[in-house]
PDB file of all heavy atoms in Angstrom:
ATOM      1  N   ARG A   1     128.778 318.337 -27.954  1.00  0.00           N
ATOM      2  CA  ARG A   1     129.256 319.544 -27.270  1.00  0.00           C
ATOM      3  C   ARG A   1     128.539 319.725 -25.945  1.00  0.00           C
ATOM      4  O   ARG A   1     127.318 319.650 -25.858  1.00  0.00           O
ATOM      5  CB  ARG A   1     129.063 320.789 -28.138  1.00  0.00           C
ATOM      6  CG  ARG A   1     129.408 322.101 -27.431  1.00  0.00           C
ATOM      7  CD  ARG A   1     129.808 323.174 -28.401  1.00  0.00           C
ATOM      8  NE  ARG A   1     131.030 322.808 -29.099  1.00  0.00           N
ATOM      9  CZ  ARG A   1     131.509 323.464 -30.169  1.00  0.00           C
ATOM     10  NH1 ARG A   1     130.844 324.495 -30.656  1.00  0.00           N
ATOM     11  NH2 ARG A   1     132.629 323.059 -30.742  1.00  0.00           N
ATOM     12  N   ASN A   2     129.332 319.971 -24.911  1.00  0.00           N
ATOM     13  CA  ASN A   2     128.818 320.337 -23.598  1.00  0.00           C
ATOM     14  C   ASN A   2     129.014 321.842 -23.470  1.00  0.00           C
ATOM     15  O   ASN A   2     130.143 322.325 -23.349  1.00  0.00           O
ATOM     16  CB  ASN A   2     129.591 319.585 -22.509  1.00  0.00           C
ATOM     17  CG  ASN A   2     128.946 319.721 -21.153  1.00  0.00           C
ATOM     18  OD1 ASN A   2     128.190 320.645 -20.911  1.00  0.00           O
ATOM     19  ND2 ASN A   2     129.270 318.811 -20.254  1.00  0.00           N
ATOM     20  N   PHE A   3     127.921 322.579 -23.484  1.00  0.00           N
ATOM     21  CA  PHE A   3     128.011 324.034 -23.505  1.00  0.00           C
ATOM     22  C   PHE A   3     128.315 324.626 -22.132  1.00  0.00           C
ATOM     23  O   PHE A   3     128.688 325.795 -22.029  1.00  0.00           O
ATOM     24  CB  PHE A   3     126.715 324.638 -24.052  1.00  0.00           C
ATOM     25  CG  PHE A   3     126.527 324.387 -25.523  1.00  0.00           C
ATOM     26  CD1 PHE A   3     125.836 323.274 -25.970  1.00  0.00           C
ATOM     27  CD2 PHE A   3     127.071 325.245 -26.461  1.00  0.00           C
ATOM     28  CE1 PHE A   3     125.664 323.033 -27.324  1.00  0.00           C
ATOM     29  CE2 PHE A   3     126.911 325.015 -27.816  1.00  0.00           C
ATOM     30  CZ  PHE A   3     126.203 323.905 -28.248  1.00  0.00           C
ATOM     31  N   ASN A   4     128.146 323.844 -21.086  1.00  0.00           N
ATOM     32  CA  ASN A   4     128.417 324.376 -19.748  1.00  0.00           C
ATOM     33  C   ASN A   4     128.689 323.225 -18.797  1.00  0.00           C
ATOM     34  O   ASN A   4     129.742 322.621 -18.827  1.00  0.00           O
ATOM     35  CB  ASN A   4     127.248 325.243 -19.273  1.00  0.00           C
ATOM     36  CG  ASN A   4     127.558 326.036 -18.024  1.00  0.00           C
ATOM     37  OD1 ASN A   4     128.701 326.075 -17.581  1.00  0.00           O
ATOM     38  ND2 ASN A   4     126.561 326.666 -17.453  1.00  0.00           N
ATOM     39  N   ASP A   5     127.718 322.896 -17.969  1.00  0.00           N
ATOM     40  CA  ASP A   5     127.849 321.855 -16.957  1.00  0.00           C
ATOM     41  C   ASP A   5     126.871 320.731 -17.311  1.00  0.00           C
ATOM     42  O   ASP A   5     125.656 320.930 -17.297  1.00  0.00           O
ATOM     43  CB  ASP A   5     127.522 322.451 -15.581  1.00  0.00           C
ATOM     44  CG  ASP A   5     127.655 321.446 -14.453  1.00  0.00           C
ATOM     45  OD1 ASP A   5     127.424 320.250 -14.679  1.00  0.00           O
ATOM     46  OD2 ASP A   5     127.969 321.854 -13.330  1.00  0.00           O
ATOM     47  N   GLY A   6     127.395 319.550 -17.639  1.00  0.00           N
ATOM     48  CA  GLY A   6     126.505 318.452 -17.994  1.00  0.00           C
ATOM     49  C   GLY A   6     127.270 317.174 -18.266  1.00  0.00           C
ATOM     50  O   GLY A   6     128.483 317.182 -18.484  1.00  0.00           O
ATOM     51  N   GLY A   7     126.551 316.059 -18.246  1.00  0.00           N
ATOM     52  CA  GLY A   7     127.169 314.762 -18.498  1.00  0.00           C
ATOM     53  C   GLY A   7     126.183 313.790 -19.127  1.00  0.00           C
ATOM     54  O   GLY A   7     124.968 313.943 -18.984  1.00  0.00           O
ATOM     55  N   MET A   8     126.706 312.784 -19.826  1.00  0.00           N
ATOM     56  CA  MET A   8     125.878 311.787 -20.483  1.00  0.00           C
ATOM     57  C   MET A   8     126.374 310.393 -20.128  1.00  0.00           C
ATOM     58  O   MET A   8     127.512 310.206 -19.695  1.00  0.00           O
ATOM     59  CB  MET A   8     125.879 311.980 -21.997  1.00  0.00           C
ATOM     60  CG  MET A   8     125.476 313.371 -22.449  1.00  0.00           C
ATOM     61  SD  MET A   8     124.922 313.414 -24.176  1.00  0.00           S
ATOM     62  CE  MET A   8     123.208 312.920 -23.960  1.00  0.00           C
ATOM     63  N   LYS A   9     125.501 309.397 -20.348  1.00  0.00           N
ATOM     64  CA  LYS A   9     125.852 308.014 -20.027  1.00  0.00           C
ATOM     65  C   LYS A   9     125.167 307.068 -20.998  1.00  0.00           C
ATOM     66  O   LYS A   9     124.216 307.427 -21.701  1.00  0.00           O
ATOM     67  CB  LYS A   9     125.419 307.665 -18.597  1.00  0.00           C
ATOM     68  CG  LYS A   9     123.902 307.615 -18.433  1.00  0.00           C
ATOM     69  CD  LYS A   9     123.490 307.235 -17.018  1.00  0.00           C
ATOM     70  CE  LYS A   9     121.964 307.192 -16.898  1.00  0.00           C
ATOM     71  NZ  LYS A   9     121.523 306.895 -15.531  1.00  0.00           N
ATOM     72  N   GLN A  10     125.653 305.830 -21.002  1.00  0.00           N
ATOM     73  CA  GLN A  10     125.035 304.748 -21.748  1.00  0.00           C
ATOM     74  C   GLN A  10     125.372 303.443 -21.035  1.00  0.00           C
ATOM     75  O   GLN A  10     126.503 303.278 -20.539  1.00  0.00           O
ATOM     76  CB  GLN A  10     125.549 304.708 -23.189  1.00  0.00           C
ATOM     77  CG  GLN A  10     124.789 303.744 -24.076  1.00  0.00           C
ATOM     78  CD  GLN A  10     125.140 303.864 -25.548  1.00  0.00           C
ATOM     79  OE1 GLN A  10     125.043 302.878 -26.294  1.00  0.00           O
ATOM     80  NE2 GLN A  10     125.539 305.053 -25.995  1.00  0.00           N
ATOM     81  N   GLU A  11     124.413 302.530 -20.965  1.00  0.00           N
ATOM     82  CA  GLU A  11     124.622 301.255 -20.289  1.00  0.00           C
ATOM     83  C   GLU A  11     124.508 300.103 -21.280  1.00  0.00           C
ATOM     84  O   GLU A  11     123.649 300.122 -22.164  1.00  0.00           O
ATOM     85  CB  GLU A  11     123.609 301.069 -19.151  1.00  0.00           C
ATOM     86  CG  GLU A  11     123.781 302.069 -18.021  1.00  0.00           C
ATOM     87  CD  GLU A  11     122.797 301.854 -16.876  1.00  0.00           C
ATOM     88  OE1 GLU A  11     121.997 300.898 -16.965  1.00  0.00           O
ATOM     89  OE2 GLU A  11     122.825 302.639 -15.913  1.00  0.00           O
ATOM     90  N   VAL A  12     125.381 299.112 -21.127  1.00  0.00           N
ATOM     91  CA  VAL A  12     125.375 297.935 -21.990  1.00  0.00           C
ATOM     92  C   VAL A  12     125.527 296.688 -21.121  1.00  0.00           C
ATOM     93  O   VAL A  12     126.114 296.735 -20.037  1.00  0.00           O
ATOM     94  CB  VAL A  12     126.490 297.992 -23.046  1.00  0.00           C
ATOM     95  CG1 VAL A  12     126.321 299.188 -23.957  1.00  0.00           C
ATOM     96  CG2 VAL A  12     127.864 298.017 -22.387  1.00  0.00           C
ATOM     97  N   VAL A  13     125.016 295.578 -21.607  1.00  0.00           N
ATOM     98  CA  VAL A  13     125.133 294.294 -20.908  1.00  0.00           C
ATOM     99  C   VAL A  13     126.551 293.750 -21.086  1.00  0.00           C
ATOM    100  O   VAL A  13     127.126 293.826 -22.178  1.00  0.00           O
ATOM    101  CB  VAL A  13     124.103 293.287 -21.445  1.00  0.00           C
ATOM    102  CG1 VAL A  13     124.294 291.916 -20.805  1.00  0.00           C
ATOM    103  CG2 VAL A  13     122.686 293.801 -21.188  1.00  0.00           C
ATOM    104  N   VAL A  14     127.128 293.199 -20.013  1.00  0.00           N
ATOM    105  CA  VAL A  14     128.467 292.616 -20.071  1.00  0.00           C
ATOM    106  C   VAL A  14     128.434 291.178 -19.560  1.00  0.00           C
ATOM    107  O   VAL A  14     127.475 290.752 -18.913  1.00  0.00           O
ATOM    108  CB  VAL A  14     129.481 293.432 -19.246  1.00  0.00           C
ATOM    109  CG1 VAL A  14     129.654 294.826 -19.824  1.00  0.00           C
ATOM    110  CG2 VAL A  14     129.068 293.503 -17.786  1.00  0.00           C
ATOM    111  N   THR A  15     129.502 290.451 -19.856  1.00  0.00           N
ATOM    112  CA  THR A  15     129.660 289.070 -19.417  1.00  0.00           C
ATOM    113  C   THR A  15     130.731 289.003 -18.335  1.00  0.00           C
ATOM    114  O   THR A  15     131.873 289.428 -18.580  1.00  0.00           O
ATOM    115  CB  THR A  15     130.076 288.169 -20.588  1.00  0.00           C
ATOM    116  OG1 THR A  15     129.075 288.242 -21.617  1.00  0.00           O
ATOM    117  CG2 THR A  15     130.232 286.724 -20.134  1.00  0.00           C
ATOM    118  N   PRO A  16     130.422 288.510 -17.148  1.00  0.00           N
ATOM    119  CA  PRO A  16     131.437 288.393 -16.096  1.00  0.00           C
ATOM    120  C   PRO A  16     132.643 287.570 -16.575  1.00  0.00           C
ATOM    121  O   PRO A  16     132.488 286.550 -17.244  1.00  0.00           O
ATOM    122  CB  PRO A  16     130.696 287.674 -14.965  1.00  0.00           C
ATOM    123  CG  PRO A  16     129.258 288.007 -15.188  1.00  0.00           C
ATOM    124  CD  PRO A  16     129.091 288.064 -16.680  1.00  0.00           C
ATOM    125  N   GLY A  17     133.834 288.051 -16.240  1.00  0.00           N
ATOM    126  CA  GLY A  17     135.051 287.373 -16.646  1.00  0.00           C
ATOM    127  C   GLY A  17     135.586 287.796 -17.999  1.00  0.00           C
ATOM    128  O   GLY A  17     136.730 287.494 -18.340  1.00  0.00           O
ATOM    129  N   GLN A  18     134.771 288.504 -18.779  1.00  0.00           N
ATOM    130  CA  GLN A  18     135.200 288.995 -20.090  1.00  0.00           C
ATOM    131  C   GLN A  18     135.953 290.319 -19.918  1.00  0.00           C
ATOM    132  O   GLN A  18     135.556 291.173 -19.134  1.00  0.00           O
ATOM    133  CB  GLN A  18     133.995 289.196 -21.009  1.00  0.00           C
ATOM    134  CG  GLN A  18     134.271 289.929 -22.314  1.00  0.00           C
ATOM    135  CD  GLN A  18     135.131 289.134 -23.270  1.00  0.00           C
ATOM    136  OE1 GLN A  18     134.817 287.998 -23.575  1.00  0.00           O
ATOM    137  NE2 GLN A  18     136.220 289.729 -23.735  1.00  0.00           N
ATOM    138  N   ALA A  19     137.032 290.497 -20.657  1.00  0.00           N
ATOM    139  CA  ALA A  19     137.776 291.752 -20.630  1.00  0.00           C
ATOM    140  C   ALA A  19     137.163 292.745 -21.610  1.00  0.00           C
ATOM    141  O   ALA A  19     136.762 292.372 -22.722  1.00  0.00           O
ATOM    142  CB  ALA A  19     139.243 291.509 -20.971  1.00  0.00           C
ATOM    143  N   TYR A  20     137.095 294.010 -21.196  1.00  0.00           N
ATOM    144  CA  TYR A  20     136.561 295.085 -22.023  1.00  0.00           C
ATOM    145  C   TYR A  20     137.518 296.267 -21.992  1.00  0.00           C
ATOM    146  O   TYR A  20     138.366 296.386 -21.102  1.00  0.00           O
ATOM    147  CB  TYR A  20     135.188 295.536 -21.515  1.00  0.00           C
ATOM    148  CG  TYR A  20     134.121 294.481 -21.597  1.00  0.00           C
ATOM    149  CD1 TYR A  20     133.924 293.587 -20.547  1.00  0.00           C
ATOM    150  CD2 TYR A  20     133.304 294.368 -22.716  1.00  0.00           C
ATOM    151  CE1 TYR A  20     132.938 292.606 -20.617  1.00  0.00           C
ATOM    152  CE2 TYR A  20     132.320 293.393 -22.796  1.00  0.00           C
ATOM    153  CZ  TYR A  20     132.153 292.519 -21.742  1.00  0.00           C
ATOM    154  OH  TYR A  20     131.184 291.552 -21.818  1.00  0.00           O
ATOM    155  N   ARG A  21     137.340 297.154 -22.957  1.00  0.00           N
ATOM    156  CA  ARG A  21     138.173 298.359 -23.020  1.00  0.00           C
ATOM    157  C   ARG A  21     137.321 299.532 -23.487  1.00  0.00           C
ATOM    158  O   ARG A  21     136.592 299.415 -24.485  1.00  0.00           O
ATOM    159  CB  ARG A  21     139.340 298.142 -23.981  1.00  0.00           C
ATOM    160  CG  ARG A  21     140.309 299.318 -24.072  1.00  0.00           C
ATOM    161  CD  ARG A  21     141.434 298.980 -25.030  1.00  0.00           C
ATOM    162  NE  ARG A  21     142.443 300.018 -25.101  1.00  0.00           N
ATOM    163  CZ  ARG A  21     143.504 299.966 -25.910  1.00  0.00           C
ATOM    164  NH1 ARG A  21     143.678 298.915 -26.695  1.00  0.00           N
ATOM    165  NH2 ARG A  21     144.386 300.956 -25.912  1.00  0.00           N
ATOM    166  N   LEU A  22     137.427 300.638 -22.786  1.00  0.00           N
ATOM    167  CA  LEU A  22     136.710 301.869 -23.144  1.00  0.00           C
ATOM    168  C   LEU A  22     137.702 302.914 -23.617  1.00  0.00           C
ATOM    169  O   LEU A  22     138.707 303.181 -22.944  1.00  0.00           O
ATOM    170  CB  LEU A  22     135.937 302.409 -21.941  1.00  0.00           C
ATOM    171  CG  LEU A  22     135.339 303.819 -22.097  1.00  0.00           C
ATOM    172  CD1 LEU A  22     134.256 303.841 -23.179  1.00  0.00           C
ATOM    173  CD2 LEU A  22     134.779 304.314 -20.762  1.00  0.00           C
ATOM    174  N   THR A  23     137.411 303.497 -24.773  1.00  0.00           N
ATOM    175  CA  THR A  23     138.184 304.631 -25.260  1.00  0.00           C
ATOM    176  C   THR A  23     137.225 305.736 -25.689  1.00  0.00           C
ATOM    177  O   THR A  23     136.081 305.474 -26.076  1.00  0.00           O
ATOM    178  CB  THR A  23     139.087 304.252 -26.450  1.00  0.00           C
ATOM    179  OG1 THR A  23     138.274 303.736 -27.522  1.00  0.00           O
ATOM    180  CG2 THR A  23     140.120 303.216 -26.051  1.00  0.00           C
ATOM    181  N   GLY A  24     137.685 306.960 -25.637  1.00  0.00           N
ATOM    182  CA  GLY A  24     136.893 308.101 -26.060  1.00  0.00           C
ATOM    183  C   GLY A  24     137.766 309.340 -26.082  1.00  0.00           C
ATOM    184  O   GLY A  24     138.859 309.369 -25.489  1.00  0.00           O
ATOM    185  N   TYR A  25     137.301 310.367 -26.771  1.00  0.00           N
ATOM    186  CA  TYR A  25     138.082 311.586 -26.927  1.00  0.00           C
ATOM    187  C   TYR A  25     137.365 312.776 -26.286  1.00  0.00           C
ATOM    188  O   TYR A  25     136.141 312.894 -26.362  1.00  0.00           O
ATOM    189  CB  TYR A  25     138.319 311.884 -28.415  1.00  0.00           C
ATOM    190  CG  TYR A  25     139.285 310.935 -29.075  1.00  0.00           C
ATOM    191  CD1 TYR A  25     138.834 309.728 -29.606  1.00  0.00           C
ATOM    192  CD2 TYR A  25     140.637 311.232 -29.155  1.00  0.00           C
ATOM    193  CE1 TYR A  25     139.714 308.851 -30.222  1.00  0.00           C
ATOM    194  CE2 TYR A  25     141.530 310.353 -29.769  1.00  0.00           C
ATOM    195  CZ  TYR A  25     141.062 309.170 -30.303  1.00  0.00           C
ATOM    196  OH  TYR A  25     141.927 308.294 -30.902  1.00  0.00           O
ATOM    197  N   ALA A  26     138.167 313.664 -25.688  1.00  0.00           N
ATOM    198  CA  ALA A  26     137.630 314.892 -25.099  1.00  0.00           C
ATOM    199  C   ALA A  26     138.510 316.074 -25.486  1.00  0.00           C
ATOM    200  O   ALA A  26     139.748 315.961 -25.489  1.00  0.00           O
ATOM    201  CB  ALA A  26     137.552 314.779 -23.578  1.00  0.00           C
ATOM    202  N   TRP A  27     137.854 317.159 -25.829  1.00  0.00           N
ATOM    203  CA  TRP A  27     138.526 318.430 -26.112  1.00  0.00           C
ATOM    204  C   TRP A  27     138.138 319.396 -24.993  1.00  0.00           C
ATOM    205  O   TRP A  27     136.973 319.753 -24.851  1.00  0.00           O
ATOM    206  CB  TRP A  27     138.071 318.967 -27.467  1.00  0.00           C
ATOM    207  CG  TRP A  27     138.821 320.171 -27.989  1.00  0.00           C
ATOM    208  CD1 TRP A  27     139.852 320.177 -28.874  1.00  0.00           C
ATOM    209  CD2 TRP A  27     138.560 321.549 -27.691  1.00  0.00           C
ATOM    210  NE1 TRP A  27     140.260 321.464 -29.140  1.00  0.00           N
ATOM    211  CE2 TRP A  27     139.482 322.328 -28.422  1.00  0.00           C
ATOM    212  CE3 TRP A  27     137.638 322.202 -26.865  1.00  0.00           C
ATOM    213  CZ2 TRP A  27     139.511 323.716 -28.369  1.00  0.00           C
ATOM    214  CZ3 TRP A  27     137.676 323.592 -26.795  1.00  0.00           C
ATOM    215  CH2 TRP A  27     138.594 324.334 -27.540  1.00  0.00           C
ATOM    216  N   VAL A  28     139.129 319.763 -24.198  1.00  0.00           N
ATOM    217  CA  VAL A  28     138.869 320.597 -23.020  1.00  0.00           C
ATOM    218  C   VAL A  28     139.613 321.916 -23.179  1.00  0.00           C
ATOM    219  O   VAL A  28     140.829 321.918 -23.401  1.00  0.00           O
ATOM    220  CB  VAL A  28     139.329 319.882 -21.733  1.00  0.00           C
ATOM    221  CG1 VAL A  28     139.049 320.750 -20.515  1.00  0.00           C
ATOM    222  CG2 VAL A  28     138.611 318.545 -21.593  1.00  0.00           C
ATOM    223  N   PRO A  29     138.916 323.047 -23.054  1.00  0.00           N
ATOM    224  CA  PRO A  29     139.580 324.342 -23.240  1.00  0.00           C
ATOM    225  C   PRO A  29     140.398 324.746 -22.022  1.00  0.00           C
ATOM    226  O   PRO A  29     140.244 324.202 -20.932  1.00  0.00           O
ATOM    227  CB  PRO A  29     138.400 325.303 -23.445  1.00  0.00           C
ATOM    228  CG  PRO A  29     137.305 324.693 -22.643  1.00  0.00           C
ATOM    229  CD  PRO A  29     137.478 323.203 -22.775  1.00  0.00           C
ATOM    230  N   SER A  30     141.252 325.709 -22.215  1.00  0.00           N
ATOM    231  CA  SER A  30     142.001 326.270 -21.100  1.00  0.00           C
ATOM    232  C   SER A  30     141.047 326.964 -20.143  1.00  0.00           C
ATOM    233  O   SER A  30     140.043 327.549 -20.552  1.00  0.00           O
ATOM    234  CB  SER A  30     143.034 327.281 -21.616  1.00  0.00           C
ATOM    235  OG  SER A  30     143.940 326.653 -22.498  1.00  0.00           O
ATOM    236  N   GLY A  31     141.352 326.885 -18.864  1.00  0.00           N
ATOM    237  CA  GLY A  31     140.488 327.513 -17.860  1.00  0.00           C
ATOM    238  C   GLY A  31     141.326 328.215 -16.809  1.00  0.00           C
ATOM    239  O   GLY A  31     142.411 327.755 -16.450  1.00  0.00           O
ATOM    240  N   SER A  32     140.821 329.308 -16.303  1.00  0.00           N
ATOM    241  CA  SER A  32     141.594 330.106 -15.348  1.00  0.00           C
ATOM    242  C   SER A  32     141.396 329.649 -13.912  1.00  0.00           C
ATOM    243  O   SER A  32     142.267 329.854 -13.069  1.00  0.00           O
ATOM    244  CB  SER A  32     141.210 331.584 -15.474  1.00  0.00           C
ATOM    245  OG  SER A  32     139.816 331.747 -15.252  1.00  0.00           O
ATOM    246  N   VAL A  33     140.252 329.034 -13.591  1.00  0.00           N
ATOM    247  CA  VAL A  33     139.975 328.605 -12.221  1.00  0.00           C
ATOM    248  C   VAL A  33     140.093 327.083 -12.183  1.00  0.00           C
ATOM    249  O   VAL A  33     139.128 326.365 -12.374  1.00  0.00           O
ATOM    250  CB  VAL A  33     138.583 329.069 -11.756  1.00  0.00           C
ATOM    251  CG1 VAL A  33     138.377 328.738 -10.278  1.00  0.00           C
ATOM    252  CG2 VAL A  33     138.413 330.564 -11.986  1.00  0.00           C
ATOM    253  N   ALA A  34     141.288 326.601 -11.909  1.00  0.00           N
ATOM    254  CA  ALA A  34     141.570 325.172 -12.077  1.00  0.00           C
ATOM    255  C   ALA A  34     140.845 324.298 -11.066  1.00  0.00           C
ATOM    256  O   ALA A  34     140.602 323.122 -11.319  1.00  0.00           O
ATOM    257  CB  ALA A  34     143.074 324.931 -11.977  1.00  0.00           C
ATOM    258  N   THR A  35     140.475 324.828  -9.914  1.00  0.00           N
ATOM    259  CA  THR A  35     139.866 323.999  -8.870  1.00  0.00           C
ATOM    260  C   THR A  35     138.342 323.990  -8.943  1.00  0.00           C
ATOM    261  O   THR A  35     137.697 323.318  -8.145  1.00  0.00           O
ATOM    262  CB  THR A  35     140.276 324.517  -7.487  1.00  0.00           C
ATOM    263  OG1 THR A  35     139.823 325.879  -7.329  1.00  0.00           O
ATOM    264  CG2 THR A  35     141.777 324.465  -7.306  1.00  0.00           C
ATOM    265  N   ALA A  36     137.768 324.722  -9.885  1.00  0.00           N
ATOM    266  CA  ALA A  36     136.319 324.921  -9.865  1.00  0.00           C
ATOM    267  C   ALA A  36     135.552 323.981 -10.776  1.00  0.00           C
ATOM    268  O   ALA A  36     134.338 324.047 -10.823  1.00  0.00           O
ATOM    269  CB  ALA A  36     135.992 326.368 -10.237  1.00  0.00           C
ATOM    270  N   TRP A  37     136.213 323.100 -11.481  1.00  0.00           N
ATOM    271  CA  TRP A  37     135.514 322.269 -12.448  1.00  0.00           C
ATOM    272  C   TRP A  37     136.348 321.025 -12.752  1.00  0.00           C
ATOM    273  O   TRP A  37     137.499 320.903 -12.340  1.00  0.00           O
ATOM    274  CB  TRP A  37     135.251 323.055 -13.734  1.00  0.00           C
ATOM    275  CG  TRP A  37     136.519 323.543 -14.385  1.00  0.00           C
ATOM    276  CD1 TRP A  37     137.249 324.648 -14.022  1.00  0.00           C
ATOM    277  CD2 TRP A  37     137.222 322.939 -15.455  1.00  0.00           C
ATOM    278  NE1 TRP A  37     138.362 324.765 -14.806  1.00  0.00           N
ATOM    279  CE2 TRP A  37     138.374 323.730 -15.710  1.00  0.00           C
ATOM    280  CE3 TRP A  37     137.004 321.817 -16.247  1.00  0.00           C
ATOM    281  CZ2 TRP A  37     139.295 323.428 -16.705  1.00  0.00           C
ATOM    282  CZ3 TRP A  37     137.919 321.511 -17.238  1.00  0.00           C
ATOM    283  CH2 TRP A  37     139.049 322.323 -17.460  1.00  0.00           C
ATOM    284  N   GLY A  38     135.769 320.125 -13.494  1.00  0.00           N
ATOM    285  CA  GLY A  38     136.480 318.924 -13.914  1.00  0.00           C
ATOM    286  C   GLY A  38     135.843 318.332 -15.161  1.00  0.00           C
ATOM    287  O   GLY A  38     134.666 318.574 -15.440  1.00  0.00           O
ATOM    288  N   SER A  39     136.623 317.562 -15.920  1.00  0.00           N
ATOM    289  CA  SER A  39     136.126 316.830 -17.087  1.00  0.00           C
ATOM    290  C   SER A  39     136.651 315.408 -17.013  1.00  0.00           C
ATOM    291  O   SER A  39     137.810 315.188 -16.658  1.00  0.00           O
ATOM    292  CB  SER A  39     136.590 317.480 -18.388  1.00  0.00           C
ATOM    293  OG  SER A  39     135.936 318.713 -18.615  1.00  0.00           O
ATOM    294  N   TYR A  40     135.817 314.445 -17.347  1.00  0.00           N
ATOM    295  CA  TYR A  40     136.206 313.054 -17.152  1.00  0.00           C
ATOM    296  C   TYR A  40     135.532 312.133 -18.165  1.00  0.00           C
ATOM    297  O   TYR A  40     134.516 312.463 -18.776  1.00  0.00           O
ATOM    298  CB  TYR A  40     135.840 312.593 -15.735  1.00  0.00           C
ATOM    299  CG  TYR A  40     134.344 312.458 -15.530  1.00  0.00           C
ATOM    300  CD1 TYR A  40     133.719 311.228 -15.690  1.00  0.00           C
ATOM    301  CD2 TYR A  40     133.551 313.558 -15.223  1.00  0.00           C
ATOM    302  CE1 TYR A  40     132.359 311.087 -15.530  1.00  0.00           C
ATOM    303  CE2 TYR A  40     132.185 313.431 -15.074  1.00  0.00           C
ATOM    304  CZ  TYR A  40     131.591 312.200 -15.232  1.00  0.00           C
ATOM    305  OH  TYR A  40     130.232 312.078 -15.090  1.00  0.00           O
ATOM    306  N   ILE A  41     136.123 310.943 -18.303  1.00  0.00           N
ATOM    307  CA  ILE A  41     135.524 309.793 -18.976  1.00  0.00           C
ATOM    308  C   ILE A  41     135.583 308.658 -17.972  1.00  0.00           C
ATOM    309  O   ILE A  41     136.614 308.442 -17.327  1.00  0.00           O
ATOM    310  CB  ILE A  41     136.279 309.436 -20.267  1.00  0.00           C
ATOM    311  CG1 ILE A  41     136.099 310.553 -21.310  1.00  0.00           C
ATOM    312  CG2 ILE A  41     135.802 308.099 -20.832  1.00  0.00           C
ATOM    313  CD1 ILE A  41     136.965 310.378 -22.552  1.00  0.00           C
ATOM    314  N   GLN A  42     134.487 307.908 -17.826  1.00  0.00           N
ATOM    315  CA  GLN A  42     134.420 306.923 -16.747  1.00  0.00           C
ATOM    316  C   GLN A  42     133.711 305.647 -17.180  1.00  0.00           C
ATOM    317  O   GLN A  42     132.779 305.678 -17.988  1.00  0.00           O
ATOM    318  CB  GLN A  42     133.703 307.527 -15.537  1.00  0.00           C
ATOM    319  CG  GLN A  42     133.705 306.646 -14.291  1.00  0.00           C
ATOM    320  CD  GLN A  42     133.019 307.319 -13.109  1.00  0.00           C
ATOM    321  OE1 GLN A  42     131.859 307.709 -13.210  1.00  0.00           O
ATOM    322  NE2 GLN A  42     133.734 307.466 -12.005  1.00  0.00           N
ATOM    323  N   LEU A  43     134.165 304.535 -16.607  1.00  0.00           N
ATOM    324  CA  LEU A  43     133.529 303.233 -16.781  1.00  0.00           C
ATOM    325  C   LEU A  43     133.190 302.670 -15.410  1.00  0.00           C
ATOM    326  O   LEU A  43     134.040 302.646 -14.519  1.00  0.00           O
ATOM    327  CB  LEU A  43     134.472 302.272 -17.516  1.00  0.00           C
ATOM    328  CG  LEU A  43     134.113 300.779 -17.499  1.00  0.00           C
ATOM    329  CD1 LEU A  43     132.784 300.538 -18.193  1.00  0.00           C
ATOM    330  CD2 LEU A  43     135.223 299.947 -18.130  1.00  0.00           C
ATOM    331  N   LYS A  44     131.944 302.239 -15.239  1.00  0.00           N
ATOM    332  CA  LYS A  44     131.518 301.559 -14.020  1.00  0.00           C
ATOM    333  C   LYS A  44     130.875 300.229 -14.381  1.00  0.00           C
ATOM    334  O   LYS A  44     130.044 300.161 -15.288  1.00  0.00           O
ATOM    335  CB  LYS A  44     130.464 302.383 -13.252  1.00  0.00           C
ATOM    336  CG  LYS A  44     130.977 303.566 -12.475  1.00  0.00           C
ATOM    337  CD  LYS A  44     129.824 304.215 -11.703  1.00  0.00           C
ATOM    338  CE  LYS A  44     130.267 305.422 -10.904  1.00  0.00           C
ATOM    339  NZ  LYS A  44     129.123 306.030 -10.170  1.00  0.00           N
TER     340      LYS A  44
END
């Protein structure tokens, strides 16, 4: 649970040329100020 503003990460070793896939789930509540915040899942 993210109670307000925050983010987490994890790093793993990869092999160049190997294909990978990231999946994850997020539950995001309704918000009245649509331009003031964001929620994301990301792979770098």
